[in-house]
């Protein structure tokens, strides 16, 4: 078993680790047998980035499994419908009416080996592309690390074999019901002037390239000075 910490820190290094790239690479691996996506905050915009990769995995006969949290601000009926086309094992948790489900876990099984990604960010566009965050990556040799692998999988068994008292198995009838009850996010059309995913990523990349190391250092120094000033003001007010 091997554990590695990856840092997604793109604004300071254009060659930095990007979670979306790692997930994409794994989904397109011809040796991939099974994938589990366990995400409490899952947004349409992030799915659009990786949609073709999930489709490629399905075409390669990968067993795809989802355990997702949703609310009125995150997932639309249209995207959930696309996810149902990818898998019949889609379990959901309604964050609108209960305590929030906030897991972040991706498991890729290749038969003899497995890779696990545990990021600190949610499955949002910025969360999988540009947010400053760390990702714990665990690699298992399933035969040599059998005990550790089995222990890990047993520890998350409620996600691998979802407890139906907590999670609900999504189907088209349930999807229609959720839509009628307005439990899902309404789709916002392009007529509202929203930028496309591609435009957002390009704009973000251009913005990062336009900031020099000196400007970054100055921004950090200014932020620290402001924190010190605010602290001094609070101390004066308390005296």
C-alpha atoms as a PDB file:
ATOM      1  CA  UNK A   1       0.000   0.000   0.000  1.00  0.00           C
ATOM      2  CA  UNK A   2       1.280   3.440  -0.898  1.00  0.00           C
ATOM      3  CA  UNK A   3      -0.089   6.778   0.319  1.00  0.00           C
ATOM      4  CA  UNK A   4       0.786  10.008  -1.486  1.00  0.00           C
ATOM      5  CA  UNK A   5      -0.395  13.572  -0.854  1.00  0.00           C
ATOM      6  CA  UNK A   6      -1.116  15.631  -3.963  1.00  0.00           C
ATOM      7  CA  UNK A   7      -1.578  19.408  -3.949  1.00  0.00           C
ATOM      8  CA  UNK A   8      -3.971  21.207  -6.291  1.00  0.00           C
ATOM      9  CA  UNK A   9      -2.474  24.680  -6.331  1.00  0.00           C
ATOM     10  CA  UNK A  10      -2.866  25.799  -9.916  1.00  0.00           C
ATOM     11  CA  UNK A  11      -2.771  29.551  -9.403  1.00  0.00           C
ATOM     12  CA  UNK A  12       0.826  29.347  -8.284  1.00  0.00           C
ATOM     13  CA  UNK A  13       2.024  26.618 -10.638  1.00  0.00           C
ATOM     14  CA  UNK A  14       0.586  25.917 -14.077  1.00  0.00           C
ATOM     15  CA  UNK A  15       1.994  22.369 -13.931  1.00  0.00           C
ATOM     16  CA  UNK A  16       0.268  21.628 -10.641  1.00  0.00           C
ATOM     17  CA  UNK A  17      -1.824  18.545  -9.909  1.00  0.00           C
ATOM     18  CA  UNK A  18      -5.444  18.847 -11.083  1.00  0.00           C
ATOM     19  CA  UNK A  19      -8.004  16.450  -9.635  1.00  0.00           C
ATOM     20  CA  UNK A  20     -10.162  16.453 -12.783  1.00  0.00           C
ATOM     21  CA  UNK A  21      -7.172  15.365 -14.887  1.00  0.00           C
ATOM     22  CA  UNK A  22      -6.437  12.481 -12.524  1.00  0.00           C
ATOM     23  CA  UNK A  23     -10.059  11.289 -12.533  1.00  0.00           C
ATOM     24  CA  UNK A  24     -10.190  11.595 -16.334  1.00  0.00           C
ATOM     25  CA  UNK A  25      -7.025   9.532 -16.754  1.00  0.00           C
ATOM     26  CA  UNK A  26      -8.350   6.761 -14.514  1.00  0.00           C
ATOM     27  CA  UNK A  27     -11.772   6.647 -16.189  1.00  0.00           C
ATOM     28  CA  UNK A  28     -10.085   6.193 -19.566  1.00  0.00           C
ATOM     29  CA  UNK A  29      -7.736   3.440 -18.388  1.00  0.00           C
ATOM     30  CA  UNK A  30      -8.543   0.293 -20.416  1.00  0.00           C
ATOM     31  CA  UNK A  31      -7.780  -1.873 -17.360  1.00  0.00           C
ATOM     32  CA  UNK A  32     -10.409  -0.193 -15.184  1.00  0.00           C
ATOM     33  CA  UNK A  33     -13.039  -2.661 -13.949  1.00  0.00           C
ATOM     34  CA  UNK A  34     -15.074  -0.746 -11.390  1.00  0.00           C
ATOM     35  CA  UNK A  35     -15.448   2.794 -10.065  1.00  0.00           C
ATOM     36  CA  UNK A  36     -17.237   4.183  -7.012  1.00  0.00           C
ATOM     37  CA  UNK A  37     -17.990   7.919  -6.847  1.00  0.00           C
ATOM     38  CA  UNK A  38     -19.116   8.927  -3.356  1.00  0.00           C
ATOM     39  CA  UNK A  39     -19.731  12.682  -3.213  1.00  0.00           C
ATOM     40  CA  UNK A  40     -22.020  14.642  -0.922  1.00  0.00           C
ATOM     41  CA  UNK A  41     -21.888  17.900  -2.895  1.00  0.00           C
ATOM     42  CA  UNK A  42     -22.114  17.120  -6.606  1.00  0.00           C
ATOM     43  CA  UNK A  43     -22.706  19.884  -9.156  1.00  0.00           C
ATOM     44  CA  UNK A  44     -23.786  19.877 -12.791  1.00  0.00           C
ATOM     45  CA  UNK A  45     -20.856  22.058 -13.853  1.00  0.00           C
ATOM     46  CA  UNK A  46     -18.263  19.553 -12.632  1.00  0.00           C
ATOM     47  CA  UNK A  47     -20.044  16.621 -14.248  1.00  0.00           C
ATOM     48  CA  UNK A  48     -19.956  18.448 -17.600  1.00  0.00           C
ATOM     49  CA  UNK A  49     -16.143  18.512 -17.410  1.00  0.00           C
ATOM     50  CA  UNK A  50     -15.913  14.723 -16.957  1.00  0.00           C
ATOM     51  CA  UNK A  51     -19.074  13.559 -18.734  1.00  0.00           C
ATOM     52  CA  UNK A  52     -17.267  12.215 -21.802  1.00  0.00           C
ATOM     53  CA  UNK A  53     -14.797  10.359 -19.584  1.00  0.00           C
ATOM     54  CA  UNK A  54     -17.619   8.631 -17.707  1.00  0.00           C
ATOM     55  CA  UNK A  55     -19.186   7.710 -21.056  1.00  0.00           C
ATOM     56  CA  UNK A  56     -15.866   6.262 -22.234  1.00  0.00           C
ATOM     57  CA  UNK A  57     -15.696   4.153 -19.067  1.00  0.00           C
ATOM     58  CA  UNK A  58     -19.203   2.840 -19.681  1.00  0.00           C
ATOM     59  CA  UNK A  59     -18.328   1.968 -23.286  1.00  0.00           C
ATOM     60  CA  UNK A  60     -15.371   0.032 -21.857  1.00  0.00           C
ATOM     61  CA  UNK A  61     -17.864  -1.975 -19.721  1.00  0.00           C
ATOM     62  CA  UNK A  62     -16.707  -0.453 -16.433  1.00  0.00           C
ATOM     63  CA  UNK A  63     -19.047  -1.059 -13.480  1.00  0.00           C
ATOM     64  CA  UNK A  64     -19.893   2.527 -12.441  1.00  0.00           C
ATOM     65  CA  UNK A  65     -21.455   3.280  -9.051  1.00  0.00           C
ATOM     66  CA  UNK A  66     -22.613   6.592  -7.593  1.00  0.00           C
ATOM     67  CA  UNK A  67     -23.590   7.690  -4.083  1.00  0.00           C
ATOM     68  CA  UNK A  68     -24.528  11.367  -4.334  1.00  0.00           C
ATOM     69  CA  UNK A  69     -25.911  14.183  -2.244  1.00  0.00           C
ATOM     70  CA  UNK A  70     -28.173  16.675  -4.005  1.00  0.00           C
ATOM     71  CA  UNK A  71     -30.151  19.822  -3.315  1.00  0.00           C
ATOM     72  CA  UNK A  72     -31.913  22.622  -5.159  1.00  0.00           C
ATOM     73  CA  UNK A  73     -28.607  24.374  -5.846  1.00  0.00           C
ATOM     74  CA  UNK A  74     -26.479  21.493  -7.128  1.00  0.00           C
ATOM     75  CA  UNK A  75     -27.922  18.867  -9.486  1.00  0.00           C
ATOM     76  CA  UNK A  76     -30.505  19.217 -12.221  1.00  0.00           C
ATOM     77  CA  UNK A  77     -32.953  16.591 -13.469  1.00  0.00           C
ATOM     78  CA  UNK A  78     -31.107  16.575 -16.805  1.00  0.00           C
ATOM     79  CA  UNK A  79     -27.743  15.662 -15.289  1.00  0.00           C
ATOM     80  CA  UNK A  80     -29.223  13.026 -12.985  1.00  0.00           C
ATOM     81  CA  UNK A  81     -30.887  11.528 -16.052  1.00  0.00           C
ATOM     82  CA  UNK A  82     -27.490  11.352 -17.783  1.00  0.00           C
ATOM     83  CA  UNK A  83     -26.030   9.676 -14.698  1.00  0.00           C
ATOM     84  CA  UNK A  84     -28.829   7.096 -14.755  1.00  0.00           C
ATOM     85  CA  UNK A  85     -27.818   6.317 -18.342  1.00  0.00           C
ATOM     86  CA  UNK A  86     -24.336   5.553 -17.059  1.00  0.00           C
ATOM     87  CA  UNK A  87     -25.339   3.331 -14.164  1.00  0.00           C
ATOM     88  CA  UNK A  88     -28.242   1.499 -12.561  1.00  0.00           C
ATOM     89  CA  UNK A  89     -26.457   1.810  -9.212  1.00  0.00           C
ATOM     90  CA  UNK A  90     -27.128   5.445  -8.375  1.00  0.00           C
ATOM     91  CA  UNK A  91     -27.966   6.143  -4.734  1.00  0.00           C
ATOM     92  CA  UNK A  92     -28.901   9.615  -3.556  1.00  0.00           C
ATOM     93  CA  UNK A  93     -29.242  11.563  -0.336  1.00  0.00           C
ATOM     94  CA  UNK A  94     -31.510  14.605  -0.194  1.00  0.00           C
ATOM     95  CA  UNK A  95     -29.626  17.455   1.480  1.00  0.00           C
ATOM     96  CA  UNK A  96     -32.714  19.663   1.260  1.00  0.00           C
ATOM     97  CA  UNK A  97     -34.476  18.095   4.215  1.00  0.00           C
ATOM     98  CA  UNK A  98     -31.847  16.372   6.358  1.00  0.00           C
ATOM     99  CA  UNK A  99     -28.355  16.745   7.779  1.00  0.00           C
ATOM    100  CA  UNK A 100     -25.963  17.319   4.897  1.00  0.00           C
ATOM    101  CA  UNK A 101     -24.156  14.374   3.327  1.00  0.00           C
ATOM    102  CA  UNK A 102     -20.608  15.599   2.733  1.00  0.00           C
ATOM    103  CA  UNK A 103     -18.416  12.646   1.711  1.00  0.00           C
ATOM    104  CA  UNK A 104     -15.604  12.964  -0.856  1.00  0.00           C
ATOM    105  CA  UNK A 105     -14.282   9.627  -2.120  1.00  0.00           C
ATOM    106  CA  UNK A 106     -13.369   8.057  -5.476  1.00  0.00           C
ATOM    107  CA  UNK A 107     -12.371   4.388  -5.819  1.00  0.00           C
ATOM    108  CA  UNK A 108     -10.945   2.906  -9.022  1.00  0.00           C
ATOM    109  CA  UNK A 109     -10.528  -0.889  -9.152  1.00  0.00           C
ATOM    110  CA  UNK A 110      -8.375  -2.432 -11.884  1.00  0.00           C
ATOM    111  CA  UNK A 111      -8.724  -6.036 -10.762  1.00  0.00           C
ATOM    112  CA  UNK A 112      -5.225  -6.562  -9.384  1.00  0.00           C
ATOM    113  CA  UNK A 113      -4.732  -3.013  -8.157  1.00  0.00           C
ATOM    114  CA  UNK A 114      -6.895  -0.167  -6.874  1.00  0.00           C
ATOM    115  CA  UNK A 115      -6.518   3.594  -6.538  1.00  0.00           C
ATOM    116  CA  UNK A 116      -8.402   5.698  -3.996  1.00  0.00           C
ATOM    117  CA  UNK A 117      -8.688   9.489  -4.159  1.00  0.00           C
ATOM    118  CA  UNK A 118      -9.788  11.397  -1.054  1.00  0.00           C
ATOM    119  CA  UNK A 119      -9.885  15.134  -1.859  1.00  0.00           C
ATOM    120  CA  UNK A 120     -10.672  17.985   0.506  1.00  0.00           C
ATOM    121  CA  UNK A 121     -12.814  19.732  -2.124  1.00  0.00           C
ATOM    122  CA  UNK A 122     -16.316  18.942  -3.332  1.00  0.00           C
ATOM    123  CA  UNK A 123     -17.343  17.817  -6.813  1.00  0.00           C
ATOM    124  CA  UNK A 124     -17.758  21.353  -8.128  1.00  0.00           C
ATOM    125  CA  UNK A 125     -16.109  22.993 -11.120  1.00  0.00           C
ATOM    126  CA  UNK A 126     -13.573  24.904  -9.023  1.00  0.00           C
ATOM    127  CA  UNK A 127     -13.250  22.015  -6.584  1.00  0.00           C
ATOM    128  CA  UNK A 128     -11.921  19.626  -9.233  1.00  0.00           C
ATOM    129  CA  UNK A 129      -9.912  22.160 -11.244  1.00  0.00           C
ATOM    130  CA  UNK A 130      -8.551  25.237  -9.483  1.00  0.00           C
ATOM    131  CA  UNK A 131      -9.361  25.403  -5.766  1.00  0.00           C
ATOM    132  CA  UNK A 132      -6.325  25.249  -3.475  1.00  0.00           C
ATOM    133  CA  UNK A 133      -6.627  21.832  -1.868  1.00  0.00           C
ATOM    134  CA  UNK A 134      -4.917  18.556  -1.095  1.00  0.00           C
ATOM    135  CA  UNK A 135      -5.804  15.064  -2.280  1.00  0.00           C
ATOM    136  CA  UNK A 136      -4.825  11.883  -0.459  1.00  0.00           C
ATOM    137  CA  UNK A 137      -4.074   9.162  -3.005  1.00  0.00           C
ATOM    138  CA  UNK A 138      -3.903   5.545  -1.793  1.00  0.00           C
ATOM    139  CA  UNK A 139      -2.609   2.794  -4.082  1.00  0.00           C
ATOM    140  CA  UNK A 140      -3.314  -0.856  -3.291  1.00  0.00           C
ATOM    141  CA  UNK A 141      -1.781  -4.022  -4.696  1.00  0.00           C
ATOM    142  CA  UNK A 142      -4.904  -6.062  -3.962  1.00  0.00           C
ATOM    143  CA  UNK A 143      -3.046  -9.365  -3.620  1.00  0.00           C
ATOM    144  CA  UNK A 144      -0.114  -8.118  -1.540  1.00  0.00           C
ATOM    145  CA  UNK A 145      -2.196  -5.596   0.423  1.00  0.00           C
ATOM    146  CA  UNK A 146      -5.207  -7.869   0.780  1.00  0.00           C
ATOM    147  CA  UNK A 147      -5.669  -7.286   4.512  1.00  0.00           C
ATOM    148  CA  UNK A 148      -5.345  -3.498   4.269  1.00  0.00           C
ATOM    149  CA  UNK A 149      -7.564  -3.326   1.180  1.00  0.00           C
ATOM    150  CA  UNK A 150     -10.302  -5.447   2.731  1.00  0.00           C
ATOM    151  CA  UNK A 151     -10.130  -3.406   5.940  1.00  0.00           C
ATOM    152  CA  UNK A 152     -10.471  -0.172   3.970  1.00  0.00           C
ATOM    153  CA  UNK A 153     -13.403  -1.441   1.919  1.00  0.00           C
ATOM    154  CA  UNK A 154     -15.127  -2.817   5.007  1.00  0.00           C
ATOM    155  CA  UNK A 155     -14.743   0.574   6.685  1.00  0.00           C
ATOM    156  CA  UNK A 156     -16.741   2.233   3.880  1.00  0.00           C
ATOM    157  CA  UNK A 157     -19.190  -0.629   3.342  1.00  0.00           C
ATOM    158  CA  UNK A 158     -22.173   1.717   3.803  1.00  0.00           C
ATOM    159  CA  UNK A 159     -21.060   3.461   0.590  1.00  0.00           C
ATOM    160  CA  UNK A 160     -20.250   0.293  -1.356  1.00  0.00           C
ATOM    161  CA  UNK A 161     -23.512  -1.373  -0.283  1.00  0.00           C
ATOM    162  CA  UNK A 162     -25.623   1.707   0.518  1.00  0.00           C
ATOM    163  CA  UNK A 163     -27.947   1.525   3.489  1.00  0.00           C
ATOM    164  CA  UNK A 164     -31.424   2.037   2.051  1.00  0.00           C
ATOM    165  CA  UNK A 165     -32.551   3.570   5.313  1.00  0.00           C
ATOM    166  CA  UNK A 166     -30.262   6.500   4.539  1.00  0.00           C
ATOM    167  CA  UNK A 167     -29.735   6.475   0.768  1.00  0.00           C
ATOM    168  CA  UNK A 168     -32.390   5.990  -1.907  1.00  0.00           C
ATOM    169  CA  UNK A 169     -31.887   4.032  -5.114  1.00  0.00           C
ATOM    170  CA  UNK A 170     -32.583   6.473  -7.922  1.00  0.00           C
ATOM    171  CA  UNK A 171     -34.758   5.479 -10.874  1.00  0.00           C
ATOM    172  CA  UNK A 172     -36.731   7.428 -13.486  1.00  0.00           C
ATOM    173  CA  UNK A 173     -39.918   7.442 -11.410  1.00  0.00           C
ATOM    174  CA  UNK A 174     -38.087   8.911  -8.415  1.00  0.00           C
ATOM    175  CA  UNK A 175     -36.392  11.427 -10.703  1.00  0.00           C
ATOM    176  CA  UNK A 176     -39.764  12.637 -11.989  1.00  0.00           C
ATOM    177  CA  UNK A 177     -41.079  12.898  -8.440  1.00  0.00           C
ATOM    178  CA  UNK A 178     -38.086  14.935  -7.283  1.00  0.00           C
ATOM    179  CA  UNK A 179     -38.520  17.237 -10.261  1.00  0.00           C
ATOM    180  CA  UNK A 180     -42.226  17.771  -9.602  1.00  0.00           C
ATOM    181  CA  UNK A 181     -41.506  18.560  -5.948  1.00  0.00           C
ATOM    182  CA  UNK A 182     -38.817  21.044  -7.048  1.00  0.00           C
ATOM    183  CA  UNK A 183     -36.144  19.235  -5.071  1.00  0.00           C
ATOM    184  CA  UNK A 184     -33.651  19.617  -7.936  1.00  0.00           C
ATOM    185  CA  UNK A 185     -31.831  22.574  -9.447  1.00  0.00           C
ATOM    186  CA  UNK A 186     -33.617  24.232 -12.382  1.00  0.00           C
ATOM    187  CA  UNK A 187     -31.469  24.393 -15.493  1.00  0.00           C
ATOM    188  CA  UNK A 188     -30.305  27.896 -16.383  1.00  0.00           C
ATOM    189  CA  UNK A 189     -30.239  28.543 -20.111  1.00  0.00           C
ATOM    190  CA  UNK A 190     -27.552  30.238 -22.119  1.00  0.00           C
ATOM    191  CA  UNK A 191     -29.963  33.109 -22.760  1.00  0.00           C
ATOM    192  CA  UNK A 192     -29.227  34.277 -19.214  1.00  0.00           C
ATOM    193  CA  UNK A 193     -25.679  35.056 -20.257  1.00  0.00           C
ATOM    194  CA  UNK A 194     -23.956  32.351 -18.272  1.00  0.00           C
ATOM    195  CA  UNK A 195     -20.451  31.470 -19.491  1.00  0.00           C
ATOM    196  CA  UNK A 196     -19.818  27.974 -20.797  1.00  0.00           C
ATOM    197  CA  UNK A 197     -17.598  25.563 -18.857  1.00  0.00           C
ATOM    198  CA  UNK A 198     -14.907  25.948 -21.537  1.00  0.00           C
ATOM    199  CA  UNK A 199     -15.032  29.760 -21.294  1.00  0.00           C
ATOM    200  CA  UNK A 200     -14.744  29.585 -17.505  1.00  0.00           C
ATOM    201  CA  UNK A 201     -11.702  27.305 -17.587  1.00  0.00           C
ATOM    202  CA  UNK A 202      -9.994  29.399 -20.276  1.00  0.00           C
ATOM    203  CA  UNK A 203     -10.661  32.638 -18.400  1.00  0.00           C
ATOM    204  CA  UNK A 204      -9.306  31.116 -15.179  1.00  0.00           C
ATOM    205  CA  UNK A 205      -6.174  29.831 -16.907  1.00  0.00           C
ATOM    206  CA  UNK A 206      -5.552  33.215 -18.599  1.00  0.00           C
ATOM    207  CA  UNK A 207      -6.026  35.012 -15.286  1.00  0.00           C
ATOM    208  CA  UNK A 208      -3.480  32.772 -13.563  1.00  0.00           C
ATOM    209  CA  UNK A 209      -0.918  33.269 -16.321  1.00  0.00           C
ATOM    210  CA  UNK A 210      -1.310  37.046 -16.121  1.00  0.00           C
ATOM    211  CA  UNK A 211      -0.282  37.210 -12.447  1.00  0.00           C
ATOM    212  CA  UNK A 212       3.450  37.375 -11.826  1.00  0.00           C
ATOM    213  CA  UNK A 213       5.239  35.891  -8.815  1.00  0.00           C
ATOM    214  CA  UNK A 214       5.896  39.420  -7.542  1.00  0.00           C
ATOM    215  CA  UNK A 215       2.194  40.301  -7.718  1.00  0.00           C
ATOM    216  CA  UNK A 216       1.263  37.107  -5.880  1.00  0.00           C
ATOM    217  CA  UNK A 217       3.779  37.877  -3.142  1.00  0.00           C
ATOM    218  CA  UNK A 218       2.452  41.435  -2.839  1.00  0.00           C
ATOM    219  CA  UNK A 219      -1.163  40.182  -2.596  1.00  0.00           C
ATOM    220  CA  UNK A 220      -0.213  37.777   0.201  1.00  0.00           C
ATOM    221  CA  UNK A 221       1.710  40.508   2.057  1.00  0.00           C
ATOM    222  CA  UNK A 222      -1.240  42.898   1.721  1.00  0.00           C
ATOM    223  CA  UNK A 223      -3.637  40.253   3.014  1.00  0.00           C
ATOM    224  CA  UNK A 224      -1.430  39.591   6.035  1.00  0.00           C
ATOM    225  CA  UNK A 225      -1.131  43.330   6.756  1.00  0.00           C
ATOM    226  CA  UNK A 226      -4.938  43.640   6.667  1.00  0.00           C
ATOM    227  CA  UNK A 227      -5.310  40.737   9.095  1.00  0.00           C
ATOM    228  CA  UNK A 228      -2.873  42.366  11.524  1.00  0.00           C
ATOM    229  CA  UNK A 229      -4.660  45.732  11.203  1.00  0.00           C
ATOM    230  CA  UNK A 230      -8.087  44.162  11.821  1.00  0.00           C
ATOM    231  CA  UNK A 231      -6.712  42.346  14.859  1.00  0.00           C
ATOM    232  CA  UNK A 232      -5.284  45.589  16.291  1.00  0.00           C
ATOM    233  CA  UNK A 233      -8.635  47.364  15.798  1.00  0.00           C
ATOM    234  CA  UNK A 234     -10.470  44.545  17.585  1.00  0.00           C
ATOM    235  CA  UNK A 235      -8.001  44.711  20.464  1.00  0.00           C
ATOM    236  CA  UNK A 236      -8.501  48.485  20.759  1.00  0.00           C
ATOM    237  CA  UNK A 237     -12.290  48.056  20.751  1.00  0.00           C
ATOM    238  CA  UNK A 238     -12.053  45.486  23.554  1.00  0.00           C
ATOM    239  CA  UNK A 239      -9.926  47.708  25.804  1.00  0.00           C
END
